[in-house]
C-alpha atoms as a PDB file:
ATOM      1  CA  MET A   1       0.000   0.000   0.000  1.00  0.00           C
ATOM      2  CA  ILE A   2       1.286   3.461  -0.882  1.00  0.00           C
ATOM      3  CA  ARG A   3       0.869   5.625   2.239  1.00  0.00           C
ATOM      4  CA  GLN A   4       2.710   8.803   1.198  1.00  0.00           C
ATOM      5  CA  VAL A   5       4.008  10.507  -1.934  1.00  0.00           C
ATOM      6  CA  ARG A   6       6.199  13.535  -2.413  1.00  0.00           C
ATOM      7  CA  GLY A   7       6.607  15.226  -5.717  1.00  0.00           C
ATOM      8  CA  THR A   8       6.250  18.326  -7.819  1.00  0.00           C
ATOM      9  CA  VAL A   9       2.827  19.336  -9.091  1.00  0.00           C
ATOM     10  CA  VAL A  10       2.941  19.281 -12.891  1.00  0.00           C
ATOM     11  CA  GLY A  11      -0.759  19.745 -13.593  1.00  0.00           C
ATOM     12  CA  ASN A  12      -4.348  19.703 -12.429  1.00  0.00           C
ATOM     13  CA  GLU A  13      -6.945  17.347 -13.806  1.00  0.00           C
ATOM     14  CA  ALA A  14     -10.611  16.929 -13.002  1.00  0.00           C
ATOM     15  CA  GLY A  15     -10.685  15.822  -9.388  1.00  0.00           C
ATOM     16  CA  GLY A  16      -6.964  15.500  -8.943  1.00  0.00           C
ATOM     17  CA  ILE A  17      -3.411  16.619  -9.482  1.00  0.00           C
ATOM     18  CA  VAL A  18      -0.549  15.096 -11.403  1.00  0.00           C
ATOM     19  CA  LEU A  19       2.656  14.767  -9.384  1.00  0.00           C
ATOM     20  CA  ASP A  20       6.094  14.178 -10.847  1.00  0.00           C
ATOM     21  CA  VAL A  21       7.469  11.536  -8.480  1.00  0.00           C
ATOM     22  CA  SER A  22      11.018  10.638  -9.543  1.00  0.00           C
ATOM     23  CA  GLY A  23      10.104  10.971 -13.206  1.00  0.00           C
ATOM     24  CA  TRP A  24       6.720   9.228 -12.929  1.00  0.00           C
ATOM     25  CA  GLY A  25       3.522  11.203 -13.463  1.00  0.00           C
ATOM     26  CA  ALA A  26       1.154  10.057 -10.721  1.00  0.00           C
ATOM     27  CA  LEU A  27      -2.498  11.113 -10.761  1.00  0.00           C
ATOM     28  CA  VAL A  28      -3.599  11.715  -7.168  1.00  0.00           C
ATOM     29  CA  HIS A  29      -7.268  12.421  -6.448  1.00  0.00           C
ATOM     30  CA  VAL A  30      -7.609  15.248  -3.911  1.00  0.00           C
ATOM     31  CA  ALA A  31     -10.526  17.144  -2.396  1.00  0.00           C
ATOM     32  CA  SER A  32      -9.311  20.566  -3.588  1.00  0.00           C
ATOM     33  CA  PRO A  33      -7.103  20.280  -6.682  1.00  0.00           C
ATOM     34  CA  ASP A  34      -7.086  24.042  -7.278  1.00  0.00           C
ATOM     35  CA  THR A  35      -5.207  24.628  -3.998  1.00  0.00           C
ATOM     36  CA  TYR A  36      -2.119  22.942  -5.472  1.00  0.00           C
ATOM     37  CA  LYS A  37      -0.137  25.184  -7.813  1.00  0.00           C
ATOM     38  CA  GLU A  38       2.029  23.901 -10.648  1.00  0.00           C
ATOM     39  CA  GLY A  39       5.711  23.769  -9.804  1.00  0.00           C
ATOM     40  CA  THR A  40       5.274  23.410  -6.042  1.00  0.00           C
ATOM     41  CA  GLU A  41       6.569  20.395  -4.165  1.00  0.00           C
ATOM     42  CA  VAL A  42       4.008  18.664  -1.981  1.00  0.00           C
ATOM     43  CA  THR A  43       3.907  15.716   0.369  1.00  0.00           C
ATOM     44  CA  LEU A  44       0.583  13.921   0.609  1.00  0.00           C
ATOM     45  CA  LYS A  45      -0.634  11.130   2.858  1.00  0.00           C
ATOM     46  CA  THR A  46      -2.287   8.655   0.515  1.00  0.00           C
ATOM     47  CA  TYR A  47      -4.794   5.859   0.221  1.00  0.00           C
ATOM     48  CA  LEU A  48      -4.506   3.366  -2.638  1.00  0.00           C
ATOM     49  CA  ALA A  49      -7.879   2.022  -3.794  1.00  0.00           C
ATOM     50  CA  VAL A  50      -7.558  -1.225  -5.707  1.00  0.00           C
ATOM     51  CA  LYS A  51     -10.598  -2.197  -7.744  1.00  0.00           C
ATOM     52  CA  GLN A  52     -11.432  -4.511 -10.594  1.00  0.00           C
ATOM     53  CA  ASP A  53     -10.752  -1.996 -13.374  1.00  0.00           C
ATOM     54  CA  GLY A  54      -7.585  -0.451 -11.927  1.00  0.00           C
ATOM     55  CA  MET A  55      -6.103   1.472  -9.050  1.00  0.00           C
ATOM     56  CA  ASP A  56      -6.718   5.011  -7.847  1.00  0.00           C
ATOM     57  CA  LEU A  57      -4.529   7.012  -5.498  1.00  0.00           C
ATOM     58  CA  TYR A  58      -6.197   9.477  -3.119  1.00  0.00           C
ATOM     59  CA  GLY A  59      -4.148  12.182  -1.401  1.00  0.00           C
ATOM     60  CA  PHE A  60      -4.620  14.187   1.782  1.00  0.00           C
ATOM     61  CA  PRO A  61      -2.704  17.071   3.323  1.00  0.00           C
ATOM     62  CA  ASP A  62      -2.364  15.351   6.711  1.00  0.00           C
ATOM     63  CA  GLU A  63      -2.807  12.095   8.577  1.00  0.00           C
ATOM     64  CA  GLU A  64      -6.062  13.186  10.266  1.00  0.00           C
ATOM     65  CA  GLU A  65      -7.798  13.774   6.948  1.00  0.00           C
ATOM     66  CA  ARG A  66      -6.673  10.384   5.613  1.00  0.00           C
ATOM     67  CA  ARG A  67      -7.860   8.710   8.833  1.00  0.00           C
ATOM     68  CA  PHE A  68     -11.292  10.338   8.462  1.00  0.00           C
ATOM     69  CA  PHE A  69     -11.441   9.308   4.787  1.00  0.00           C
ATOM     70  CA  GLU A  70     -10.742   5.711   5.824  1.00  0.00           C
ATOM     71  CA  LEU A  71     -13.488   5.934   8.489  1.00  0.00           C
ATOM     72  CA  LEU A  72     -15.919   7.065   5.789  1.00  0.00           C
ATOM     73  CA  LEU A  73     -14.942   4.039   3.702  1.00  0.00           C
ATOM     74  CA  GLY A  74     -16.057   1.826   6.576  1.00  0.00           C
ATOM     75  CA  VAL A  75     -19.643   2.998   6.153  1.00  0.00           C
ATOM     76  CA  PRO A  76     -21.627   0.570   3.974  1.00  0.00           C
ATOM     77  CA  GLY A  77     -22.270   2.046   0.534  1.00  0.00           C
ATOM     78  CA  VAL A  78     -19.523   4.677   0.772  1.00  0.00           C
ATOM     79  CA  GLY A  79     -16.691   4.197  -1.699  1.00  0.00           C
ATOM     80  CA  PRO A  80     -13.592   6.301  -2.263  1.00  0.00           C
ATOM     81  CA  LYS A  81     -15.244   8.722  -4.710  1.00  0.00           C
ATOM     82  CA  THR A  82     -18.178   9.345  -2.353  1.00  0.00           C
ATOM     83  CA  ALA A  83     -15.867   9.772   0.642  1.00  0.00           C
ATOM     84  CA  LEU A  84     -13.736  12.303  -1.254  1.00  0.00           C
ATOM     85  CA  SER A  85     -16.892  14.104  -2.382  1.00  0.00           C
ATOM     86  CA  ILE A  86     -17.972  14.448   1.253  1.00  0.00           C
ATOM     87  CA  LEU A  87     -14.566  15.890   2.167  1.00  0.00           C
ATOM     88  CA  LYS A  88     -14.889  18.436  -0.661  1.00  0.00           C
ATOM     89  CA  ARG A  89     -18.023  19.901   0.867  1.00  0.00           C
ATOM     90  CA  ALA A  90     -16.781  20.917   4.317  1.00  0.00           C
ATOM     91  CA  PRO A  91     -13.694  20.936   6.503  1.00  0.00           C
ATOM     92  CA  ARG A  92     -12.981  17.596   8.180  1.00  0.00           C
ATOM     93  CA  GLU A  93     -13.274  19.158  11.647  1.00  0.00           C
ATOM     94  CA  ALA A  94     -16.785  20.421  10.919  1.00  0.00           C
ATOM     95  CA  LEU A  95     -17.824  17.044   9.515  1.00  0.00           C
ATOM     96  CA  GLU A  96     -16.486  15.218  12.561  1.00  0.00           C
ATOM     97  CA  GLY A  97     -18.230  17.690  14.857  1.00  0.00           C
ATOM     98  CA  ALA A  98     -21.547  17.349  13.039  1.00  0.00           C
ATOM     99  CA  ILE A  99     -21.355  13.550  13.078  1.00  0.00           C
ATOM    100  CA  GLY A 100     -20.261  13.459  16.721  1.00  0.00           C
ATOM    101  CA  LYS A 101     -23.065  15.806  17.764  1.00  0.00           C
ATOM    102  CA  ARG A 102     -25.549  14.071  15.444  1.00  0.00           C
ATOM    103  CA  ASP A 103     -26.362  17.340  13.681  1.00  0.00           C
ATOM    104  CA  LEU A 104     -28.663  16.037  10.954  1.00  0.00           C
ATOM    105  CA  ASP A 105     -29.582  19.550   9.797  1.00  0.00           C
ATOM    106  CA  TYR A 106     -25.949  20.479   9.067  1.00  0.00           C
ATOM    107  CA  LEU A 107     -25.253  17.221   7.247  1.00  0.00           C
ATOM    108  CA  THR A 108     -28.360  17.425   5.071  1.00  0.00           C
ATOM    109  CA  ARG A 109     -28.705  21.156   4.369  1.00  0.00           C
ATOM    110  CA  VAL A 110     -25.149  22.440   4.325  1.00  0.00           C
ATOM    111  CA  ILE A 111     -23.250  19.341   3.218  1.00  0.00           C
ATOM    112  CA  GLY A 112     -26.027  18.152   0.911  1.00  0.00           C
ATOM    113  CA  LEU A 113     -26.324  14.548   1.984  1.00  0.00           C
ATOM    114  CA  GLY A 114     -29.680  12.839   1.784  1.00  0.00           C
ATOM    115  CA  LYS A 115     -31.410  12.188   5.092  1.00  0.00           C
ATOM    116  CA  LYS A 116     -30.768   8.431   4.986  1.00  0.00           C
ATOM    117  CA  ALA A 117     -27.091   8.874   4.062  1.00  0.00           C
ATOM    118  CA  ALA A 118     -26.601  11.437   6.845  1.00  0.00           C
ATOM    119  CA  GLU A 119     -28.302   9.178   9.382  1.00  0.00           C
ATOM    120  CA  LYS A 120     -26.158   6.246   8.256  1.00  0.00           C
ATOM    121  CA  LEU A 121     -23.001   8.319   8.732  1.00  0.00           C
ATOM    122  CA  MET A 122     -24.117   9.374  12.198  1.00  0.00           C
ATOM    123  CA  VAL A 123     -24.971   5.831  13.283  1.00  0.00           C
ATOM    124  CA  GLU A 124     -21.791   4.280  11.883  1.00  0.00           C
ATOM    125  CA  LEU A 125     -19.310   6.979  12.893  1.00  0.00           C
ATOM    126  CA  SER A 126     -20.633   8.942  15.880  1.00  0.00           C
ATOM    127  CA  GLU A 127     -18.722   6.800  18.383  1.00  0.00           C
ATOM    128  CA  LYS A 128     -15.575   6.659  16.239  1.00  0.00           C
ATOM    129  CA  VAL A 129     -15.123  10.403  15.838  1.00  0.00           C
ATOM    130  CA  GLY A 130     -14.533  12.777  18.694  1.00  0.00           C
ATOM    131  CA  GLN A 131     -16.847  15.663  19.251  1.00  0.00           C
ATOM    132  CA  GLY A 132     -14.363  17.618  17.172  1.00  0.00           C
ATOM    133  CA  GLN A 133     -14.890  21.215  16.269  1.00  0.00           C
ATOM    134  CA  ALA A 134     -18.560  21.972  16.033  1.00  0.00           C
ATOM    135  CA  PRO A 135     -19.648  22.856  12.526  1.00  0.00           C
ATOM    136  CA  ASP A 136     -19.647  26.572  12.065  1.00  0.00           C
ATOM    137  CA  ALA A 137     -23.167  27.587  13.067  1.00  0.00           C
ATOM    138  CA  ASP A 138     -22.717  30.590  10.833  1.00  0.00           C
ATOM    139  CA  ASP A 139     -22.552  28.304   7.788  1.00  0.00           C
ATOM    140  CA  SER A 140     -26.278  27.630   8.059  1.00  0.00           C
ATOM    141  CA  GLU A 141     -26.968  31.360   7.981  1.00  0.00           C
ATOM    142  CA  VAL A 142     -24.501  31.943   5.145  1.00  0.00           C
ATOM    143  CA  PHE A 143     -26.100  29.029   3.252  1.00  0.00           C
ATOM    144  CA  ASP A 144     -29.577  30.556   3.732  1.00  0.00           C
ATOM    145  CA  THR A 145     -28.313  33.981   2.646  1.00  0.00           C
ATOM    146  CA  LEU A 146     -26.791  32.555  -0.527  1.00  0.00           C
ATOM    147  CA  ILE A 147     -30.097  30.825  -1.324  1.00  0.00           C
ATOM    148  CA  ALA A 148     -31.940  34.113  -0.747  1.00  0.00           C
ATOM    149  CA  LEU A 149     -29.517  35.792  -3.163  1.00  0.00           C
ATOM    150  CA  GLY A 150     -30.488  33.341  -5.892  1.00  0.00           C
ATOM    151  CA  TYR A 151     -27.876  30.598  -5.569  1.00  0.00           C
ATOM    152  CA  THR A 152     -29.112  27.072  -6.094  1.00  0.00           C
ATOM    153  CA  GLU A 153     -28.571  24.685  -3.179  1.00  0.00           C
ATOM    154  CA  ARG A 154     -25.779  22.984  -5.125  1.00  0.00           C
ATOM    155  CA  GLU A 155     -24.049  26.317  -5.863  1.00  0.00           C
ATOM    156  CA  ALA A 156     -24.395  27.416  -2.227  1.00  0.00           C
ATOM    157  CA  ARG A 157     -22.866  24.159  -0.945  1.00  0.00           C
ATOM    158  CA  ALA A 158     -20.017  24.370  -3.450  1.00  0.00           C
ATOM    159  CA  THR A 159     -19.341  27.972  -2.472  1.00  0.00           C
ATOM    160  CA  LEU A 160     -19.318  27.125   1.240  1.00  0.00           C
ATOM    161  CA  GLY A 161     -16.949  24.247   0.569  1.00  0.00           C
ATOM    162  CA  LYS A 162     -14.434  26.633  -0.991  1.00  0.00           C
ATOM    163  CA  ILE A 163     -14.222  28.916   2.042  1.00  0.00           C
ATOM    164  CA  PRO A 164     -11.040  28.213   4.008  1.00  0.00           C
ATOM    165  CA  ALA A 165     -11.555  26.900   7.543  1.00  0.00           C
ATOM    166  CA  THR A 166      -9.452  29.800   8.793  1.00  0.00           C
ATOM    167  CA  VAL A 167     -12.230  32.264   7.883  1.00  0.00           C
ATOM    168  CA  VAL A 168     -14.506  32.497  10.911  1.00  0.00           C
ATOM    169  CA  GLY A 169     -17.620  34.482  11.717  1.00  0.00           C
ATOM    170  CA  LYS A 170     -20.795  34.840   9.718  1.00  0.00           C
ATOM    171  CA  ASP A 171     -19.895  38.161   8.087  1.00  0.00           C
ATOM    172  CA  ALA A 172     -16.380  37.074   7.151  1.00  0.00           C
ATOM    173  CA  ARG A 173     -17.612  33.738   5.755  1.00  0.00           C
ATOM    174  CA  LEU A 174     -20.370  35.486   3.748  1.00  0.00           C
ATOM    175  CA  LYS A 175     -17.875  38.008   2.359  1.00  0.00           C
ATOM    176  CA  ALA A 176     -15.511  35.160   1.399  1.00  0.00           C
ATOM    177  CA  ALA A 177     -18.381  33.277  -0.235  1.00  0.00           C
ATOM    178  CA  LEU A 178     -19.462  36.277  -2.269  1.00  0.00           C
ATOM    179  CA  SER A 179     -15.923  37.167  -3.310  1.00  0.00           C
ATOM    180  CA  GLY A 180     -15.217  33.572  -4.338  1.00  0.00           C
ATOM    181  CA  LYS A 181     -12.235  33.188  -1.970  1.00  0.00           C
END
């Protein structure tokens, strides 16, 4: 199993980045490919998914994110693509907090999971994740504001997912959402 790669980013592809690892071009699926700039050297913790039609490599900035990804894979019906999709929608800390606190509203409205999928995540993972950082309560208000401004639910979720976790507070998160940063 490949647990870590280090290389230079040589390109972005849909859902991933291409790393030059000792002359090999490795496609690594990541939650936020646009955060990796061409020419930069990165080290990623990885998960190698072996399936019938090939292998896929998934990369994470740190061990905690890979651990959470692997927890998601333990939920029946959740494969690597679904788990990565969930990580694209919100910071890991907020997801862990919502699951630990059994916050169905956050998981369904803000993250966009169906009610059954959110309940399944809560049942399967609530004891395995710590209480973590509570999901930003302001995200629900920012989400509602974006909807009121004419965003579709999908656009609002995608926009919220792009806001860095370092931006805190309702006003700051709304400003970041509207500016696209």
